[in-house]
Structure formats: C-alpha cells, structure tokens
Amino acid sequence: MELEGLYSFLAQRLASTDALLIDRICIDGQAATARVLKAYTSKHEGSPKYNTGEISFVGTPSSWGNPTLSPNDKAVAFIGYIENSKRYYQYNWLAHFSIIEQSDRER
C-alpha cells in the first residue's frame, strides 16, 4: 500500500473510531472484551474510559475481513463509542484488527 493509500485508509477509520492497542481478547459471538494497552487516539472515547484497562465492545465476525484472534494476541483495533446505545463498536469493514504480534500458538 502506497503512503497516500495508507493515509486515506487511516483517515476513514479515525473519522469515527479510535486506534487502540489491545490484548487478552475474549470473544463470545459479537461481544468482545479486551485489555487496552495503549490508546493512540481518544477522540471517540466514551464511558468507561480507555485508561480503565479493559473495555467491552461489539465486534465484527471474521467473515467481514477480520482475522481470527486468540486470547493472547496483540492487535490494533479501531473502536468507537456510540452515545445512543452507550456501547463501543469495532469498525465495520476490512482491517478491523491488524495483528502485530501473535501468541505462541501454532501459526
């Protein structure tokens, strides 16, 4: 991906979500819980705040372009808060999670 394409990709996602480095991911259907290691942005932060250490969010299924994550994987997730529902939601299309480190499981 050329640099201009990368900027466009990030701008689309950051228009409605924040970039979070997460791990210890627990997924149950579309319900997900993760430990927030670092918030790269916090423009779309709701309650609870990212600095509480753990957030729950509505994730998207692997059939929508998300690689499957294991509980100890680290990833950058694009997540935003919707005030009407009082919930966090994962960005809904392609590259929802960018895996940057995998656990010691078989690859």
Protein backbone atom coordinates (compact mmCIF):
# COMPACT_ATOMS: atom_id res chain seq x y z
CA MET A 1 0.00 0.00 0.00
CA GLU A 2 1.48 3.33 -1.01
CA LEU A 3 1.75 6.09 1.57
CA GLU A 4 -1.17 8.11 0.18
CA GLY A 5 -3.37 5.00 0.31
CA LEU A 6 -2.32 4.35 3.90
CA TYR A 7 -3.25 7.92 4.92
CA SER A 8 -6.66 7.53 3.27
CA PHE A 9 -7.20 4.17 4.97
CA LEU A 10 -6.38 5.60 8.40
CA ALA A 11 -8.37 8.79 7.86
CA GLN A 12 -11.51 6.78 7.05
CA ARG A 13 -11.24 4.74 10.21
CA LEU A 14 -10.20 7.57 12.52
CA ALA A 15 -13.14 9.71 11.38
CA SER A 16 -15.41 7.57 13.58
CA THR A 17 -13.16 5.38 15.73
CA ASP A 18 -10.01 5.41 17.84
CA ALA A 19 -6.91 3.27 17.33
CA LEU A 20 -6.25 1.07 20.36
CA LEU A 21 -3.52 -1.45 21.04
CA ILE A 22 -5.29 -4.35 22.76
CA ASP A 23 -4.64 -7.84 24.05
CA ARG A 24 -6.25 -10.52 26.27
CA ILE A 25 -9.16 -10.59 23.89
CA CYS A 26 -12.22 -12.60 24.85
CA ILE A 27 -14.74 -13.08 22.05
CA ASP A 28 -18.22 -14.53 22.52
CA GLY A 29 -20.15 -14.16 19.28
CA GLN A 30 -20.04 -10.43 18.55
CA ALA A 31 -19.43 -9.50 22.19
CA ALA A 32 -15.74 -8.85 22.82
CA THR A 33 -13.70 -7.76 25.82
CA ALA A 34 -10.08 -6.64 25.64
CA ARG A 35 -7.39 -5.07 27.77
CA VAL A 36 -6.33 -1.68 26.40
CA LEU A 37 -2.53 -1.41 26.38
CA LYS A 38 -2.40 1.95 24.65
CA ALA A 39 -4.86 4.43 23.14
CA TYR A 40 -3.25 6.05 20.10
CA THR A 41 -6.26 8.37 19.78
CA SER A 42 -9.18 9.14 22.11
CA LYS A 43 -11.43 11.40 20.06
CA HIS A 44 -14.28 8.86 20.13
CA GLU A 45 -13.87 7.68 23.72
CA GLY A 46 -16.98 7.02 25.76
CA SER A 47 -17.56 5.54 29.18
CA PRO A 48 -15.80 3.54 30.50
CA LYS A 49 -12.62 5.34 29.54
CA TYR A 50 -9.78 3.55 27.78
CA ASN A 51 -7.47 4.07 30.75
CA THR A 52 -9.64 1.79 32.92
CA GLY A 53 -7.63 -1.02 31.37
CA GLU A 54 -10.44 -3.10 29.88
CA ILE A 55 -13.33 -2.37 27.55
CA SER A 56 -16.20 -4.38 26.11
CA PHE A 57 -17.30 -3.79 22.55
CA VAL A 58 -19.41 -5.17 19.74
CA GLY A 59 -17.00 -6.83 17.35
CA THR A 60 -17.45 -7.90 13.77
CA PRO A 61 -17.24 -11.51 12.58
CA SER A 62 -14.26 -12.97 10.74
CA SER A 63 -16.42 -13.23 7.65
CA TRP A 64 -16.20 -9.42 7.40
CA GLY A 65 -12.46 -9.36 6.86
CA ASN A 66 -11.21 -9.75 10.41
CA PRO A 67 -8.50 -12.30 11.05
CA THR A 68 -9.41 -14.55 13.97
CA LEU A 69 -7.67 -13.55 17.19
CA SER A 70 -6.63 -15.78 20.07
CA PRO A 71 -6.82 -14.59 23.68
CA ASN A 72 -3.13 -13.61 23.92
CA ASP A 73 -2.75 -11.91 20.55
CA LYS A 74 -1.94 -8.21 20.39
CA ALA A 75 -3.68 -6.10 17.79
CA VAL A 76 -4.55 -2.58 16.76
CA ALA A 77 -8.31 -2.26 16.82
CA PHE A 78 -10.40 0.62 15.50
CA ILE A 79 -13.13 1.13 18.09
CA GLY A 80 -15.63 3.94 18.62
CA TYR A 81 -18.36 4.78 21.13
CA ILE A 82 -21.97 5.34 20.12
CA GLU A 83 -23.72 7.51 22.68
CA ASN A 84 -27.28 6.38 21.82
CA SER A 85 -26.53 2.75 22.66
CA LYS A 86 -23.89 3.53 25.33
CA ARG A 87 -21.61 0.91 23.75
CA TYR A 88 -18.30 0.61 21.97
CA TYR A 89 -18.30 -0.80 18.43
CA GLN A 90 -15.48 -2.10 16.29
CA TYR A 91 -15.03 -0.53 12.85
CA ASN A 92 -17.21 -2.50 10.46
CA TRP A 93 -15.15 -3.22 7.35
CA LEU A 94 -11.71 -4.63 6.40
CA ALA A 95 -8.67 -4.44 8.68
CA HIS A 96 -10.72 -4.29 11.84
CA PHE A 97 -7.75 -5.78 13.64
CA SER A 98 -4.21 -5.52 12.41
CA ILE A 99 -2.35 -8.30 14.19
CA ILE A 100 1.10 -7.11 15.17
CA GLU A 101 2.08 -9.99 17.46
CA GLN A 102 0.74 -13.48 17.89
CA SER A 103 0.82 -15.75 20.92
CA ASP A 104 2.88 -18.92 20.90
CA ARG A 105 0.06 -20.94 19.36
CA GLU A 106 0.53 -22.74 16.05
CA ARG A 107 0.66 -20.23 13.16
